[in-house]
PDB file of N, CA and C in Angstrom:
ATOM      1  N   GLY A   1       4.533  -7.430  -5.622  1.00  0.00           N
ATOM      2  CA  GLY A   1       5.575  -5.838  -5.385  1.00  0.00           C
ATOM      3  C   GLY A   1       5.427  -5.949  -3.697  1.00  0.00           C
ATOM      4  N   SER A   2       6.080  -4.407  -3.369  1.00  0.00           N
ATOM      5  CA  SER A   2       4.820  -4.058  -2.487  1.00  0.00           C
ATOM      6  C   SER A   2       4.910  -2.535  -2.384  1.00  0.00           C
ATOM      7  N   LEU A   3       4.420  -1.877  -0.956  1.00  0.00           N
ATOM      8  CA  LEU A   3       4.144  -0.947  -1.266  1.00  0.00           C
ATOM      9  C   LEU A   3       4.593   0.077  -1.016  1.00  0.00           C
ATOM     10  N   ALA A   4       4.230   1.898  -2.188  1.00  0.00           N
ATOM     11  CA  ALA A   4       5.375   2.102  -1.789  1.00  0.00           C
ATOM     12  C   ALA A   4       4.959   3.845  -1.662  1.00  0.00           C
ATOM     13  N   PRO A   5       4.432   4.223  -0.798  1.00  0.00           N
ATOM     14  CA  PRO A   5       3.692   5.505   0.092  1.00  0.00           C
ATOM     15  C   PRO A   5       3.935   6.354  -0.797  1.00  0.00           C
ATOM     16  N   GLU A   6       3.132   7.607  -1.641  1.00  0.00           N
ATOM     17  CA  GLU A   6       3.602   8.838  -2.166  1.00  0.00           C
ATOM     18  C   GLU A   6       3.950  10.029  -0.533  1.00  0.00           C
ATOM     19  N   THR A   7       4.264  10.903  -1.331  1.00  0.00           N
ATOM     20  CA  THR A   7       4.300  12.240   0.449  1.00  0.00           C
ATOM     21  C   THR A   7       3.196  12.565   1.142  1.00  0.00           C
ATOM     22  N   TRP A   8       2.017  12.346   0.301  1.00  0.00           N
ATOM     23  CA  TRP A   8       0.678  12.587   0.679  1.00  0.00           C
ATOM     24  C   TRP A   8       0.478  10.980   0.871  1.00  0.00           C
ATOM     25  N   GLN A   9       0.534   9.931   1.336  1.00  0.00           N
ATOM     26  CA  GLN A   9      -0.050   8.925   1.427  1.00  0.00           C
ATOM     27  C   GLN A   9       0.169   8.044   2.292  1.00  0.00           C
ATOM     28  N   SER A  10      -0.978   7.802   3.366  1.00  0.00           N
ATOM     29  CA  SER A  10      -0.518   6.452   3.980  1.00  0.00           C
ATOM     30  C   SER A  10      -1.704   5.684   4.670  1.00  0.00           C
ATOM     31  N   ILE A  11      -1.290   4.344   5.200  1.00  0.00           N
ATOM     32  CA  ILE A  11      -1.892   3.859   5.298  1.00  0.00           C
ATOM     33  C   ILE A  11      -2.220   3.488   7.172  1.00  0.00           C
ATOM     34  N   TRP A  12      -3.492   3.855   7.773  1.00  0.00           N
ATOM     35  CA  TRP A  12      -3.310   3.661   8.791  1.00  0.00           C
ATOM     36  C   TRP A  12      -4.574   2.912   9.734  1.00  0.00           C
ATOM     37  N   PHE A  13      -3.692   2.175  10.589  1.00  0.00           N
ATOM     38  CA  PHE A  13      -4.198   0.479  11.241  1.00  0.00           C
ATOM     39  C   PHE A  13      -4.450   1.214  12.666  1.00  0.00           C
ATOM     40  N   ALA A  14      -6.203   1.278  13.640  1.00  0.00           N
ATOM     41  CA  ALA A  14      -6.241   1.856  15.058  1.00  0.00           C
ATOM     42  C   ALA A  14      -7.075   0.955  15.300  1.00  0.00           C
ATOM     43  N   GLU A  15      -6.413   0.762  17.026  1.00  0.00           N
ATOM     44  CA  GLU A  15      -7.085  -0.112  17.352  1.00  0.00           C
ATOM     45  C   GLU A  15      -6.995   0.635  19.040  1.00  0.00           C
ATOM     46  N   TYR A  16      -8.578   0.344  19.552  1.00  0.00           N
ATOM     47  CA  TYR A  16      -8.818   0.811  20.492  1.00  0.00           C
ATOM     48  C   TYR A  16      -9.516  -0.110  21.525  1.00  0.00           C
ATOM     49  N   ASP A  17     -10.913  -0.755  20.773  1.00  0.00           N
ATOM     50  CA  ASP A  17     -11.105  -1.490  21.322  1.00  0.00           C
ATOM     51  C   ASP A  17     -11.099  -2.950  22.528  1.00  0.00           C
ATOM     52  N   GLY A  18      -9.008  -3.362  22.458  1.00  0.00           N
ATOM     53  CA  GLY A  18      -8.021  -4.180  22.467  1.00  0.00           C
ATOM     54  C   GLY A  18      -7.649  -5.183  21.253  1.00  0.00           C
ATOM     55  N   PRO A  19      -6.789  -6.292  21.063  1.00  0.00           N
ATOM     56  CA  PRO A  19      -7.002  -7.107  20.141  1.00  0.00           C
ATOM     57  C   PRO A  19      -8.269  -8.272  19.847  1.00  0.00           C
ATOM     58  N   ARG A  20      -8.194  -8.568  18.587  1.00  0.00           N
ATOM     59  CA  ARG A  20      -9.231  -9.459  18.724  1.00  0.00           C
ATOM     60  C   ARG A  20      -8.650  -9.851  16.798  1.00  0.00           C
ATOM     61  N   ASN A  21      -9.297 -11.435  16.806  1.00  0.00           N
ATOM     62  CA  ASN A  21      -9.243 -11.548  15.216  1.00  0.00           C
ATOM     63  C   ASN A  21     -10.100 -10.194  14.576  1.00  0.00           C
ATOM     64  N   ARG A  22      -9.232 -10.617  13.290  1.00  0.00           N
ATOM     65  CA  ARG A  22      -9.708  -9.345  12.368  1.00  0.00           C
ATOM     66  C   ARG A  22      -9.609  -9.948  11.150  1.00  0.00           C
ATOM     67  N   GLU A  23     -10.378  -9.842  10.015  1.00  0.00           N
ATOM     68  CA  GLU A  23      -9.869  -9.561   8.851  1.00  0.00           C
ATOM     69  C   GLU A  23     -10.270  -8.549   7.993  1.00  0.00           C
ATOM     70  N   VAL A  24      -9.017  -8.712   7.267  1.00  0.00           N
ATOM     71  CA  VAL A  24      -9.256  -6.707   6.243  1.00  0.00           C
ATOM     72  C   VAL A  24      -9.129  -6.945   5.091  1.00  0.00           C
ATOM     73  N   ARG A  25      -9.977  -6.858   4.639  1.00  0.00           N
ATOM     74  CA  ARG A  25      -9.196  -6.874   3.288  1.00  0.00           C
ATOM     75  C   ARG A  25      -9.027  -5.120   2.301  1.00  0.00           C
ATOM     76  N   VAL A  26      -8.098  -5.034   1.590  1.00  0.00           N
ATOM     77  CA  VAL A  26      -7.962  -4.285   1.419  1.00  0.00           C
ATOM     78  C   VAL A  26      -7.293  -4.092  -0.538  1.00  0.00           C
ATOM     79  N   GLN A  27      -8.520  -3.124  -0.728  1.00  0.00           N
ATOM     80  CA  GLN A  27      -8.916  -3.137  -2.760  1.00  0.00           C
ATOM     81  C   GLN A  27      -7.201  -2.073  -3.150  1.00  0.00           C
ATOM     82  N   LEU A  28      -6.780  -2.330  -4.235  1.00  0.00           N
ATOM     83  CA  LEU A  28      -5.824  -0.295  -4.230  1.00  0.00           C
ATOM     84  C   LEU A  28      -5.984  -0.974  -5.547  1.00  0.00           C
ATOM     85  N   ALA A  29      -6.764   0.293  -6.621  1.00  0.00           N
ATOM     86  CA  ALA A  29      -6.973   1.230  -7.343  1.00  0.00           C
ATOM     87  C   ALA A  29      -5.739   2.449  -7.748  1.00  0.00           C
ATOM     88  N   GLY A  30      -4.861   2.124  -8.744  1.00  0.00           N
ATOM     89  CA  GLY A  30      -3.844   2.745  -8.865  1.00  0.00           C
ATOM     90  C   GLY A  30      -3.845   3.712 -10.845  1.00  0.00           C
ATOM     91  N   GLY A  31      -3.110   5.102 -11.157  1.00  0.00           N
ATOM     92  CA  GLY A  31      -3.012   5.089 -12.355  1.00  0.00           C
ATOM     93  C   GLY A  31      -2.251   4.343 -13.067  1.00  0.00           C
ATOM     94  N   GLY A  32      -1.425   4.120 -12.833  1.00  0.00           N
ATOM     95  CA  GLY A  32      -0.143   3.402 -12.844  1.00  0.00           C
ATOM     96  C   GLY A  32       1.669   3.976 -12.166  1.00  0.00           C
ATOM     97  N   GLY A  33       1.850   4.443 -12.496  1.00  0.00           N
ATOM     98  CA  GLY A  33       3.456   5.034 -12.510  1.00  0.00           C
ATOM     99  C   GLY A  33       4.926   3.762 -11.924  1.00  0.00           C
ATOM    100  N   LEU A  34       4.870   3.189 -12.454  1.00  0.00           N
ATOM    101  CA  LEU A  34       5.917   2.099 -12.614  1.00  0.00           C
ATOM    102  C   LEU A  34       5.538   1.824 -14.247  1.00  0.00           C
ATOM    103  N   GLU A  35       6.821   1.294 -15.238  1.00  0.00           N
ATOM    104  CA  GLU A  35       7.082   0.805 -16.400  1.00  0.00           C
ATOM    105  C   GLU A  35       6.744  -0.420 -16.711  1.00  0.00           C
ATOM    106  N   SER A  36       6.036  -1.387 -17.735  1.00  0.00           N
ATOM    107  CA  SER A  36       6.747  -2.466 -17.701  1.00  0.00           C
ATOM    108  C   SER A  36       7.810  -2.995 -17.507  1.00  0.00           C
ATOM    109  N   GLY A  37       7.789  -3.851 -16.503  1.00  0.00           N
ATOM    110  CA  GLY A  37       9.657  -4.541 -16.443  1.00  0.00           C
ATOM    111  C   GLY A  37       9.995  -4.081 -15.374  1.00  0.00           C
ATOM    112  N   ASP A  38       9.592  -3.630 -14.743  1.00  0.00           N
ATOM    113  CA  ASP A  38      10.564  -2.279 -13.642  1.00  0.00           C
ATOM    114  C   ASP A  38       9.468  -2.846 -12.227  1.00  0.00           C
ATOM    115  N   PRO A  39       9.087  -3.320 -11.477  1.00  0.00           N
ATOM    116  CA  PRO A  39       8.818  -3.921 -10.504  1.00  0.00           C
ATOM    117  C   PRO A  39       9.557  -3.136  -9.523  1.00  0.00           C
ATOM    118  N   GLY A  40      10.625  -2.530  -9.713  1.00  0.00           N
ATOM    119  CA  GLY A  40      10.619  -2.105  -8.466  1.00  0.00           C
ATOM    120  C   GLY A  40      10.847  -0.379  -7.930  1.00  0.00           C
ATOM    121  N   GLY A  41      10.145   0.347  -9.597  1.00  0.00           N
ATOM    122  CA  GLY A  41       9.951   0.890  -9.384  1.00  0.00           C
ATOM    123  C   GLY A  41      10.858   2.398  -9.679  1.00  0.00           C
ATOM    124  N   GLY A  42      12.293   1.769  -9.458  1.00  0.00           N
ATOM    125  CA  GLY A  42      13.494   2.482  -9.996  1.00  0.00           C
ATOM    126  C   GLY A  42      14.503   2.778 -10.974  1.00  0.00           C
ATOM    127  N   GLY A  43      15.287   3.962 -11.489  1.00  0.00           N
ATOM    128  CA  GLY A  43      14.902   4.776 -11.624  1.00  0.00           C
ATOM    129  C   GLY A  43      16.259   4.387 -12.768  1.00  0.00           C
ATOM    130  N   ALA A  44      16.487   4.791 -13.456  1.00  0.00           N
ATOM    131  CA  ALA A  44      18.023   4.388 -14.123  1.00  0.00           C
ATOM    132  C   ALA A  44      19.090   4.658 -13.553  1.00  0.00           C
TER     133      ALA A  44
END
């Protein structure tokens, strides 16, 4: 799937001390929003 932030949701990554190798871990949890069989979240 793809990320689809709502109006008051965003993802930020700030790098203040110069580039370096990093490991980024992301855990997503949601309360639904997509209907079964509709991976794009589009309407009719």
